[in-house]
N, C-alpha and C. Protein backbone atom coordinates (compact mmCIF):
# COMPACT_ATOMS: atom_id res chain seq x y z
N MET A 1 -16.58 -26.38 -3.19
CA MET A 1 -17.34 -27.47 -3.77
C MET A 1 -18.41 -27.92 -2.79
N LEU A 2 -18.04 -28.01 -1.50
CA LEU A 2 -19.01 -28.47 -0.50
C LEU A 2 -20.18 -27.51 -0.38
N ARG A 3 -19.94 -26.24 -0.52
CA ARG A 3 -21.04 -25.27 -0.44
C ARG A 3 -22.00 -25.47 -1.60
N LYS A 4 -21.45 -25.70 -2.77
CA LYS A 4 -22.31 -25.89 -3.94
C LYS A 4 -23.14 -27.17 -3.78
N VAL A 5 -22.54 -28.22 -3.26
CA VAL A 5 -23.29 -29.46 -3.01
C VAL A 5 -24.39 -29.20 -2.01
N ASP A 6 -24.07 -28.43 -0.97
CA ASP A 6 -25.05 -28.12 0.07
C ASP A 6 -26.22 -27.32 -0.51
N VAL A 7 -25.93 -26.35 -1.35
CA VAL A 7 -26.98 -25.55 -1.97
C VAL A 7 -27.85 -26.42 -2.87
N LEU A 8 -27.22 -27.27 -3.66
CA LEU A 8 -28.01 -28.17 -4.53
C LEU A 8 -28.86 -29.11 -3.69
N SER A 9 -28.30 -29.58 -2.60
CA SER A 9 -29.04 -30.50 -1.73
C SER A 9 -30.27 -29.81 -1.15
N LYS A 10 -30.11 -28.61 -0.71
CA LYS A 10 -31.25 -27.88 -0.14
C LYS A 10 -32.33 -27.65 -1.19
N GLN A 11 -31.90 -27.35 -2.42
CA GLN A 11 -32.87 -27.14 -3.49
C GLN A 11 -33.65 -28.41 -3.77
N LEU A 12 -32.97 -29.54 -3.82
CA LEU A 12 -33.66 -30.81 -4.09
C LEU A 12 -34.57 -31.20 -2.94
N ASN A 13 -34.14 -30.99 -1.73
CA ASN A 13 -34.97 -31.35 -0.57
C ASN A 13 -36.21 -30.48 -0.49
N LYS A 14 -36.15 -29.28 -0.96
CA LYS A 14 -37.34 -28.42 -0.98
C LYS A 14 -38.35 -28.93 -1.99
N GLN A 15 -37.83 -29.47 -3.11
CA GLN A 15 -38.72 -29.91 -4.18
C GLN A 15 -39.51 -31.16 -3.78
N SER A 16 -38.82 -32.19 -3.28
CA SER A 16 -39.54 -33.42 -2.94
C SER A 16 -38.82 -34.14 -1.80
N PRO A 17 -39.17 -33.86 -0.58
CA PRO A 17 -38.48 -34.47 0.56
C PRO A 17 -38.79 -35.95 0.72
N ALA A 18 -39.75 -36.49 0.05
CA ALA A 18 -40.12 -37.89 0.22
C ALA A 18 -39.11 -38.84 -0.40
N GLU A 19 -38.44 -38.43 -1.46
CA GLU A 19 -37.52 -39.32 -2.17
C GLU A 19 -36.08 -38.96 -1.87
N GLU A 20 -35.65 -38.97 -0.62
CA GLU A 20 -34.32 -38.50 -0.21
C GLU A 20 -33.20 -39.32 -0.84
N GLY A 21 -33.32 -40.64 -0.89
CA GLY A 21 -32.26 -41.47 -1.45
C GLY A 21 -32.02 -41.18 -2.92
N LYS A 22 -33.10 -41.06 -3.68
CA LYS A 22 -32.96 -40.75 -5.10
C LYS A 22 -32.49 -39.31 -5.29
N ASN A 23 -32.97 -38.43 -4.41
CA ASN A 23 -32.57 -37.02 -4.52
C ASN A 23 -31.06 -36.87 -4.32
N ASP A 24 -30.50 -37.63 -3.43
CA ASP A 24 -29.05 -37.55 -3.19
C ASP A 24 -28.30 -37.95 -4.46
N ALA A 25 -28.75 -39.01 -5.10
CA ALA A 25 -28.08 -39.47 -6.31
C ALA A 25 -28.23 -38.42 -7.42
N VAL A 26 -29.41 -37.86 -7.56
CA VAL A 26 -29.65 -36.84 -8.57
C VAL A 26 -28.83 -35.59 -8.24
N LEU A 27 -28.78 -35.28 -6.96
CA LEU A 27 -28.00 -34.12 -6.51
C LEU A 27 -26.54 -34.26 -6.92
N PHE A 28 -25.94 -35.42 -6.65
CA PHE A 28 -24.54 -35.62 -7.00
C PHE A 28 -24.36 -35.65 -8.52
N ASP A 29 -25.34 -36.17 -9.25
CA ASP A 29 -25.25 -36.13 -10.72
C ASP A 29 -25.28 -34.69 -11.23
N ARG A 30 -26.12 -33.88 -10.66
CA ARG A 30 -26.16 -32.47 -11.07
C ARG A 30 -24.82 -31.79 -10.74
N PHE A 31 -24.35 -32.07 -9.55
CA PHE A 31 -23.06 -31.50 -9.14
C PHE A 31 -21.96 -31.94 -10.10
N LEU A 32 -21.93 -33.23 -10.41
CA LEU A 32 -20.89 -33.76 -11.31
C LEU A 32 -21.07 -33.24 -12.73
N SER A 33 -22.31 -33.05 -13.15
CA SER A 33 -22.55 -32.56 -14.51
C SER A 33 -22.00 -31.14 -14.68
N GLN A 34 -21.94 -30.39 -13.58
CA GLN A 34 -21.37 -29.04 -13.65
C GLN A 34 -19.85 -29.09 -13.78
N ARG A 35 -19.24 -30.17 -13.34
CA ARG A 35 -17.79 -30.25 -13.33
C ARG A 35 -17.20 -31.17 -14.40
N VAL A 36 -17.91 -32.20 -14.76
CA VAL A 36 -17.44 -33.11 -15.80
C VAL A 36 -18.55 -33.26 -16.83
N ALA A 37 -18.17 -33.75 -17.98
CA ALA A 37 -19.15 -33.89 -19.06
C ALA A 37 -19.99 -35.14 -18.83
N LEU A 38 -21.09 -34.97 -18.13
CA LEU A 38 -22.05 -36.08 -17.95
C LEU A 38 -23.15 -35.91 -18.99
N SER A 39 -23.51 -36.97 -19.59
CA SER A 39 -24.58 -36.89 -20.57
C SER A 39 -25.92 -36.93 -19.84
N GLN A 40 -26.93 -36.51 -20.54
CA GLN A 40 -28.28 -36.58 -19.95
C GLN A 40 -28.66 -38.02 -19.70
N LYS A 41 -28.07 -38.92 -20.47
CA LYS A 41 -28.34 -40.36 -20.30
C LYS A 41 -27.87 -40.81 -18.92
N ASP A 42 -26.66 -40.38 -18.50
CA ASP A 42 -26.14 -40.75 -17.18
C ASP A 42 -27.05 -40.23 -16.07
N ILE A 43 -27.54 -39.01 -16.23
CA ILE A 43 -28.41 -38.44 -15.20
C ILE A 43 -29.72 -39.19 -15.15
N ASN A 44 -30.27 -39.54 -16.32
CA ASN A 44 -31.54 -40.28 -16.36
C ASN A 44 -31.35 -41.68 -15.79
N GLU A 45 -30.19 -42.30 -16.07
CA GLU A 45 -29.92 -43.63 -15.53
C GLU A 45 -29.90 -43.59 -14.01
N THR A 46 -29.34 -42.54 -13.46
CA THR A 46 -29.28 -42.41 -12.00
C THR A 46 -30.68 -42.29 -11.45
N ALA A 47 -31.52 -41.51 -12.10
CA ALA A 47 -32.88 -41.32 -11.62
C ALA A 47 -33.68 -42.62 -11.73
N ASN A 48 -33.38 -43.45 -12.75
CA ASN A 48 -34.16 -44.66 -12.98
C ASN A 48 -33.53 -45.90 -12.33
N ASP A 49 -32.23 -45.85 -12.06
CA ASP A 49 -31.52 -47.02 -11.56
C ASP A 49 -31.93 -47.29 -10.11
N SER A 50 -32.21 -48.53 -9.84
CA SER A 50 -32.64 -48.87 -8.48
C SER A 50 -31.48 -49.41 -7.65
N ASP A 51 -30.36 -49.74 -8.28
CA ASP A 51 -29.21 -50.27 -7.55
C ASP A 51 -28.37 -49.10 -7.05
N THR A 52 -28.58 -48.71 -5.82
CA THR A 52 -27.90 -47.53 -5.27
C THR A 52 -26.40 -47.75 -5.14
N VAL A 53 -25.96 -49.01 -4.96
CA VAL A 53 -24.53 -49.29 -4.84
C VAL A 53 -23.82 -48.93 -6.15
N LYS A 54 -24.42 -49.32 -7.29
CA LYS A 54 -23.83 -49.00 -8.58
C LYS A 54 -23.78 -47.49 -8.79
N ILE A 55 -24.87 -46.86 -8.43
CA ILE A 55 -24.93 -45.41 -8.58
C ILE A 55 -23.83 -44.75 -7.75
N LEU A 56 -23.73 -45.17 -6.51
CA LEU A 56 -22.73 -44.58 -5.61
C LEU A 56 -21.31 -44.87 -6.10
N GLN A 57 -21.08 -46.07 -6.61
CA GLN A 57 -19.75 -46.39 -7.12
C GLN A 57 -19.39 -45.51 -8.31
N ARG A 58 -20.36 -45.36 -9.23
CA ARG A 58 -20.11 -44.51 -10.39
C ARG A 58 -19.88 -43.06 -9.97
N GLN A 59 -20.70 -42.59 -9.04
CA GLN A 59 -20.54 -41.21 -8.57
C GLN A 59 -19.23 -41.03 -7.81
N ASN A 60 -18.86 -42.01 -7.00
CA ASN A 60 -17.59 -41.93 -6.28
C ASN A 60 -16.41 -41.87 -7.25
N GLU A 61 -16.50 -42.68 -8.30
CA GLU A 61 -15.44 -42.66 -9.30
C GLU A 61 -15.34 -41.27 -9.96
N GLN A 62 -16.47 -40.71 -10.30
CA GLN A 62 -16.48 -39.39 -10.91
C GLN A 62 -16.03 -38.31 -9.91
N LEU A 63 -16.44 -38.46 -8.66
CA LEU A 63 -15.99 -37.50 -7.64
C LEU A 63 -14.47 -37.58 -7.44
N ARG A 64 -13.93 -38.79 -7.51
CA ARG A 64 -12.46 -38.93 -7.41
C ARG A 64 -11.78 -38.23 -8.57
N LYS A 65 -12.36 -38.36 -9.77
CA LYS A 65 -11.79 -37.67 -10.93
C LYS A 65 -11.83 -36.15 -10.72
N VAL A 66 -12.96 -35.67 -10.24
CA VAL A 66 -13.09 -34.22 -9.99
C VAL A 66 -12.08 -33.78 -8.94
N LEU A 67 -11.98 -34.58 -7.87
CA LEU A 67 -11.03 -34.25 -6.81
C LEU A 67 -9.59 -34.28 -7.34
N GLY A 68 -9.25 -35.28 -8.14
CA GLY A 68 -7.91 -35.37 -8.72
C GLY A 68 -7.62 -34.17 -9.62
N ALA A 69 -8.62 -33.79 -10.43
CA ALA A 69 -8.44 -32.63 -11.32
C ALA A 69 -8.24 -31.36 -10.50
N LYS A 70 -9.04 -31.21 -9.45
CA LYS A 70 -8.90 -30.02 -8.59
C LYS A 70 -7.55 -30.03 -7.88
N THR A 71 -7.12 -31.19 -7.43
CA THR A 71 -5.83 -31.30 -6.75
C THR A 71 -4.70 -30.92 -7.69
N ASN A 72 -4.76 -31.44 -8.93
CA ASN A 72 -3.73 -31.09 -9.93
C ASN A 72 -3.75 -29.60 -10.25
N LEU A 73 -4.95 -29.06 -10.38
CA LEU A 73 -5.06 -27.62 -10.65
C LEU A 73 -4.47 -26.81 -9.49
N ASN A 74 -4.75 -27.24 -8.27
CA ASN A 74 -4.19 -26.54 -7.10
C ASN A 74 -2.67 -26.64 -7.06
N LYS A 75 -2.14 -27.81 -7.41
CA LYS A 75 -0.67 -27.97 -7.44
C LYS A 75 -0.06 -27.06 -8.49
N GLU A 76 -0.67 -27.04 -9.68
CA GLU A 76 -0.17 -26.16 -10.75
C GLU A 76 -0.24 -24.70 -10.31
N THR A 77 -1.35 -24.35 -9.67
CA THR A 77 -1.51 -22.98 -9.20
C THR A 77 -0.45 -22.64 -8.15
N MET A 78 -0.18 -23.56 -7.24
CA MET A 78 0.86 -23.32 -6.23
C MET A 78 2.23 -23.18 -6.87
N ASP A 79 2.51 -23.99 -7.90
CA ASP A 79 3.79 -23.87 -8.60
C ASP A 79 3.91 -22.50 -9.28
N VAL A 80 2.83 -22.07 -9.92
CA VAL A 80 2.82 -20.76 -10.56
C VAL A 80 2.99 -19.67 -9.50
N LEU A 81 2.32 -19.85 -8.37
CA LEU A 81 2.43 -18.89 -7.28
C LEU A 81 3.86 -18.79 -6.77
N ARG A 82 4.53 -19.92 -6.64
CA ARG A 82 5.94 -19.91 -6.19
C ARG A 82 6.82 -19.15 -7.19
N VAL A 83 6.57 -19.40 -8.48
CA VAL A 83 7.34 -18.69 -9.50
C VAL A 83 7.10 -17.19 -9.39
N HIS A 84 5.84 -16.81 -9.21
CA HIS A 84 5.52 -15.39 -9.10
C HIS A 84 6.08 -14.79 -7.82
N GLU A 85 6.08 -15.54 -6.74
CA GLU A 85 6.67 -15.05 -5.49
C GLU A 85 8.17 -14.81 -5.67
N ASP A 86 8.84 -15.75 -6.35
CA ASP A 86 10.27 -15.58 -6.61
C ASP A 86 10.51 -14.34 -7.47
N ALA A 87 9.68 -14.18 -8.49
CA ALA A 87 9.82 -13.01 -9.36
C ALA A 87 9.56 -11.72 -8.57
N LEU A 88 8.57 -11.76 -7.70
CA LEU A 88 8.27 -10.59 -6.87
C LEU A 88 9.45 -10.27 -5.95
N GLU A 89 10.05 -11.28 -5.37
CA GLU A 89 11.22 -11.05 -4.52
C GLU A 89 12.35 -10.41 -5.32
N GLN A 90 12.56 -10.87 -6.55
CA GLN A 90 13.60 -10.29 -7.39
C GLN A 90 13.28 -8.83 -7.73
N VAL A 91 12.02 -8.56 -8.05
CA VAL A 91 11.63 -7.20 -8.37
C VAL A 91 11.82 -6.29 -7.16
N VAL A 92 11.42 -6.77 -5.99
CA VAL A 92 11.57 -5.98 -4.77
C VAL A 92 13.05 -5.72 -4.49
N ALA A 93 13.88 -6.73 -4.67
CA ALA A 93 15.33 -6.56 -4.46
C ALA A 93 15.89 -5.53 -5.44
N LEU A 94 15.48 -5.61 -6.70
CA LEU A 94 15.95 -4.63 -7.69
C LEU A 94 15.48 -3.22 -7.35
N LEU A 95 14.22 -3.11 -6.91
CA LEU A 95 13.71 -1.80 -6.52
C LEU A 95 14.46 -1.24 -5.33
N ARG A 96 14.74 -2.10 -4.36
CA ARG A 96 15.50 -1.63 -3.19
C ARG A 96 16.89 -1.16 -3.60
N ASP A 97 17.54 -1.92 -4.48
CA ASP A 97 18.86 -1.51 -4.96
C ASP A 97 18.78 -0.18 -5.71
N ASP A 98 17.74 -0.04 -6.53
CA ASP A 98 17.56 1.20 -7.28
C ASP A 98 17.34 2.38 -6.34
N VAL A 99 16.52 2.18 -5.32
CA VAL A 99 16.27 3.25 -4.36
C VAL A 99 17.56 3.60 -3.61
N ALA A 100 18.31 2.58 -3.20
CA ALA A 100 19.58 2.83 -2.49
C ALA A 100 20.56 3.57 -3.40
N ASN A 101 20.67 3.15 -4.66
CA ASN A 101 21.57 3.83 -5.60
C ASN A 101 21.12 5.27 -5.85
N SER A 102 19.83 5.47 -5.99
CA SER A 102 19.30 6.81 -6.20
C SER A 102 19.60 7.70 -4.99
N HIS A 103 19.40 7.16 -3.81
CA HIS A 103 19.68 7.92 -2.59
C HIS A 103 21.16 8.26 -2.50
N GLN A 104 22.01 7.29 -2.79
CA GLN A 104 23.46 7.54 -2.74
C GLN A 104 23.86 8.59 -3.77
N SER A 105 23.27 8.53 -4.95
CA SER A 105 23.54 9.52 -5.99
C SER A 105 23.11 10.91 -5.51
N PHE A 106 21.96 11.00 -4.89
CA PHE A 106 21.48 12.27 -4.36
C PHE A 106 22.42 12.81 -3.29
N VAL A 107 22.85 11.95 -2.38
CA VAL A 107 23.77 12.36 -1.32
C VAL A 107 25.08 12.85 -1.93
N ASN A 108 25.57 12.15 -2.94
CA ASN A 108 26.82 12.56 -3.60
C ASN A 108 26.66 13.92 -4.28
N ARG A 109 25.51 14.15 -4.94
CA ARG A 109 25.29 15.45 -5.58
C ARG A 109 25.22 16.57 -4.55
N VAL A 110 24.56 16.31 -3.42
CA VAL A 110 24.46 17.32 -2.37
C VAL A 110 25.84 17.62 -1.80
N ARG A 111 26.62 16.57 -1.55
CA ARG A 111 27.98 16.78 -1.04
C ARG A 111 28.83 17.57 -2.04
N SER A 112 28.69 17.23 -3.31
CA SER A 112 29.44 17.92 -4.34
C SER A 112 29.07 19.40 -4.37
N LYS A 113 27.77 19.70 -4.35
CA LYS A 113 27.32 21.09 -4.32
C LYS A 113 27.86 21.79 -3.09
N LEU A 114 27.81 21.12 -1.97
CA LEU A 114 28.29 21.69 -0.72
C LEU A 114 29.77 22.01 -0.81
N ASN A 115 30.55 21.05 -1.27
CA ASN A 115 32.00 21.24 -1.34
C ASN A 115 32.42 22.19 -2.45
N ASP A 116 31.72 22.16 -3.59
CA ASP A 116 32.15 22.95 -4.74
C ASP A 116 31.57 24.37 -4.74
N GLU A 117 30.41 24.56 -4.14
CA GLU A 117 29.77 25.86 -4.24
C GLU A 117 29.58 26.55 -2.89
N LEU A 118 29.00 25.86 -1.95
CA LEU A 118 28.64 26.51 -0.70
C LEU A 118 29.85 26.85 0.15
N ILE A 119 30.75 25.92 0.31
CA ILE A 119 31.93 26.17 1.15
C ILE A 119 32.79 27.29 0.55
N PRO A 120 33.07 27.31 -0.77
CA PRO A 120 33.82 28.45 -1.31
C PRO A 120 33.10 29.78 -1.12
N LEU A 121 31.77 29.78 -1.24
CA LEU A 121 31.02 31.02 -1.01
C LEU A 121 31.13 31.46 0.45
N GLU A 122 31.04 30.51 1.36
CA GLU A 122 31.21 30.85 2.78
C GLU A 122 32.61 31.38 3.04
N ASP A 123 33.62 30.75 2.42
CA ASP A 123 35.00 31.23 2.59
C ASP A 123 35.15 32.65 2.05
N LYS A 124 34.55 32.91 0.90
CA LYS A 124 34.63 34.24 0.30
C LYS A 124 33.94 35.27 1.19
N GLU A 125 32.77 34.90 1.70
CA GLU A 125 32.04 35.81 2.58
C GLU A 125 32.82 36.07 3.87
N PHE A 126 33.44 35.04 4.41
CA PHE A 126 34.23 35.21 5.63
C PHE A 126 35.44 36.10 5.37
N SER A 127 36.07 35.93 4.23
CA SER A 127 37.23 36.79 3.93
C SER A 127 36.78 38.24 3.75
N LEU A 128 35.59 38.46 3.14
CA LEU A 128 35.04 39.82 3.06
C LEU A 128 34.78 40.38 4.45
N TYR A 129 34.27 39.54 5.31
CA TYR A 129 34.01 39.95 6.69
C TYR A 129 35.32 40.37 7.36
N LEU A 130 36.36 39.55 7.18
CA LEU A 130 37.66 39.88 7.78
C LEU A 130 38.22 41.17 7.19
N ASP A 131 38.05 41.33 5.87
CA ASP A 131 38.50 42.57 5.23
C ASP A 131 37.75 43.76 5.81
N ASN A 132 36.45 43.60 5.99
CA ASN A 132 35.65 44.69 6.57
C ASN A 132 36.08 44.98 8.01
N ILE A 133 36.39 43.92 8.74
CA ILE A 133 36.86 44.11 10.12
C ILE A 133 38.18 44.90 10.08
N ASN A 134 39.07 44.53 9.18
CA ASN A 134 40.34 45.27 9.06
C ASN A 134 40.08 46.72 8.70
N ASP A 135 39.12 46.95 7.77
CA ASP A 135 38.77 48.32 7.39
C ASP A 135 38.21 49.09 8.59
N VAL A 136 37.37 48.43 9.38
CA VAL A 136 36.80 49.06 10.57
C VAL A 136 37.91 49.38 11.57
N GLU A 137 38.84 48.46 11.74
CA GLU A 137 39.96 48.72 12.65
C GLU A 137 40.78 49.91 12.16
N GLN A 138 40.98 49.97 10.84
CA GLN A 138 41.72 51.11 10.29
C GLN A 138 40.95 52.41 10.51
N LEU A 139 39.60 52.33 10.35
CA LEU A 139 38.78 53.52 10.60
C LEU A 139 38.87 53.94 12.06
N ILE A 140 38.87 52.97 12.95
CA ILE A 140 38.99 53.27 14.39
C ILE A 140 40.34 53.93 14.66
N GLN A 141 41.38 53.40 14.05
CA GLN A 141 42.71 53.99 14.25
C GLN A 141 42.75 55.41 13.67
N VAL A 142 42.18 55.61 12.49
CA VAL A 142 42.13 56.95 11.89
C VAL A 142 41.33 57.89 12.80
N SER A 143 40.23 57.38 13.34
CA SER A 143 39.40 58.18 14.23
C SER A 143 40.17 58.58 15.48
N GLU A 144 40.92 57.64 16.04
CA GLU A 144 41.73 57.96 17.22
C GLU A 144 42.80 58.99 16.88
N ILE A 145 43.43 58.86 15.73
CA ILE A 145 44.45 59.82 15.31
C ILE A 145 43.81 61.20 15.14
N TYR A 146 42.63 61.23 14.50
CA TYR A 146 41.94 62.49 14.27
C TYR A 146 41.56 63.13 15.60
N ARG A 147 41.07 62.29 16.54
CA ARG A 147 40.75 62.81 17.88
C ARG A 147 41.99 63.40 18.54
N SER A 148 43.10 62.68 18.41
CA SER A 148 44.36 63.17 19.01
C SER A 148 44.77 64.47 18.36
N VAL A 149 44.64 64.57 17.04
CA VAL A 149 44.99 65.81 16.33
C VAL A 149 44.08 66.94 16.80
N LEU A 150 42.77 66.63 16.95
CA LEU A 150 41.83 67.66 17.42
C LEU A 150 42.18 68.11 18.84
N ARG A 151 42.55 67.14 19.67
CA ARG A 151 42.94 67.51 21.04
C ARG A 151 44.17 68.42 21.02
N LEU A 152 45.15 68.00 20.21
CA LEU A 152 46.35 68.81 20.11
C LEU A 152 46.02 70.21 19.58
N SER A 153 45.18 70.24 18.56
CA SER A 153 44.80 71.51 17.96
C SER A 153 44.02 72.34 18.99
N ASP A 154 43.15 71.71 19.72
CA ASP A 154 42.35 72.40 20.72
C ASP A 154 43.24 72.90 21.85
N SER A 155 44.17 72.05 22.28
CA SER A 155 45.06 72.49 23.35
C SER A 155 46.00 73.58 22.85
N ALA A 156 46.42 73.53 21.58
CA ALA A 156 47.28 74.58 21.04
C ALA A 156 46.51 75.89 20.96
N ASP A 157 45.24 75.81 20.56
CA ASP A 157 44.42 77.02 20.48
C ASP A 157 44.20 77.60 21.88
N ASN A 158 43.96 76.72 22.83
CA ASN A 158 43.74 77.19 24.20
C ASN A 158 45.03 77.82 24.75
N THR A 159 46.16 77.22 24.44
CA THR A 159 47.42 77.75 24.90
C THR A 159 47.68 79.09 24.20
N HIS A 160 47.40 79.16 22.97
CA HIS A 160 47.61 80.37 22.20
C HIS A 160 46.68 81.47 22.70
N LEU A 161 45.46 81.15 23.05
CA LEU A 161 44.51 82.12 23.56
C LEU A 161 44.96 82.63 24.95
N ARG A 162 45.52 81.79 25.72
CA ARG A 162 45.95 82.19 27.05
C ARG A 162 47.17 83.11 26.95
N ASN A 163 48.00 82.86 26.01
CA ASN A 163 49.21 83.64 25.85
C ASN A 163 48.97 84.92 25.04
N SER A 164 47.92 85.05 24.41
CA SER A 164 47.71 86.22 23.56
C SER A 164 47.20 87.41 24.43
N PRO A 165 47.65 88.69 24.10
CA PRO A 165 47.27 89.83 24.91
C PRO A 165 45.92 90.41 24.46
N ASN A 166 44.92 90.16 24.82
CA ASN A 166 43.65 90.77 24.49
C ASN A 166 43.41 91.96 25.27
């Protein structure tokens, strides 16, 4: 409001700096006419009225009304803002709960998949590995037996060759 009064004041002072006292009254009437319903008669009376005390009293009364209206509007706005802040806090709390529940649900699904699918697959793979190890051990044992048989066969052939009359 003060900026608007200042702008109006500068405009009036540019127009006619000689009549500063009347310009101030006209300035406040213009300002008030933008905010309250002032008739053209009130503005003309201010321009023509020579009793500055009456003019100032009337303008002060109207300025108090404007200030009271602005104060009430600001209070109402602050009340609405408090309601909206409370609602925002509730929405944020609900969103946080939803995110936490969603995260917990995701963790539970991952654990379930891990316990129901991955661990049994790992167990199955490990048992196949153990079976393969047992098969390899059996192959090693068969290989050792075969080597022993070959040695025996080789030594029997060598013994037979030494004993044979060529």
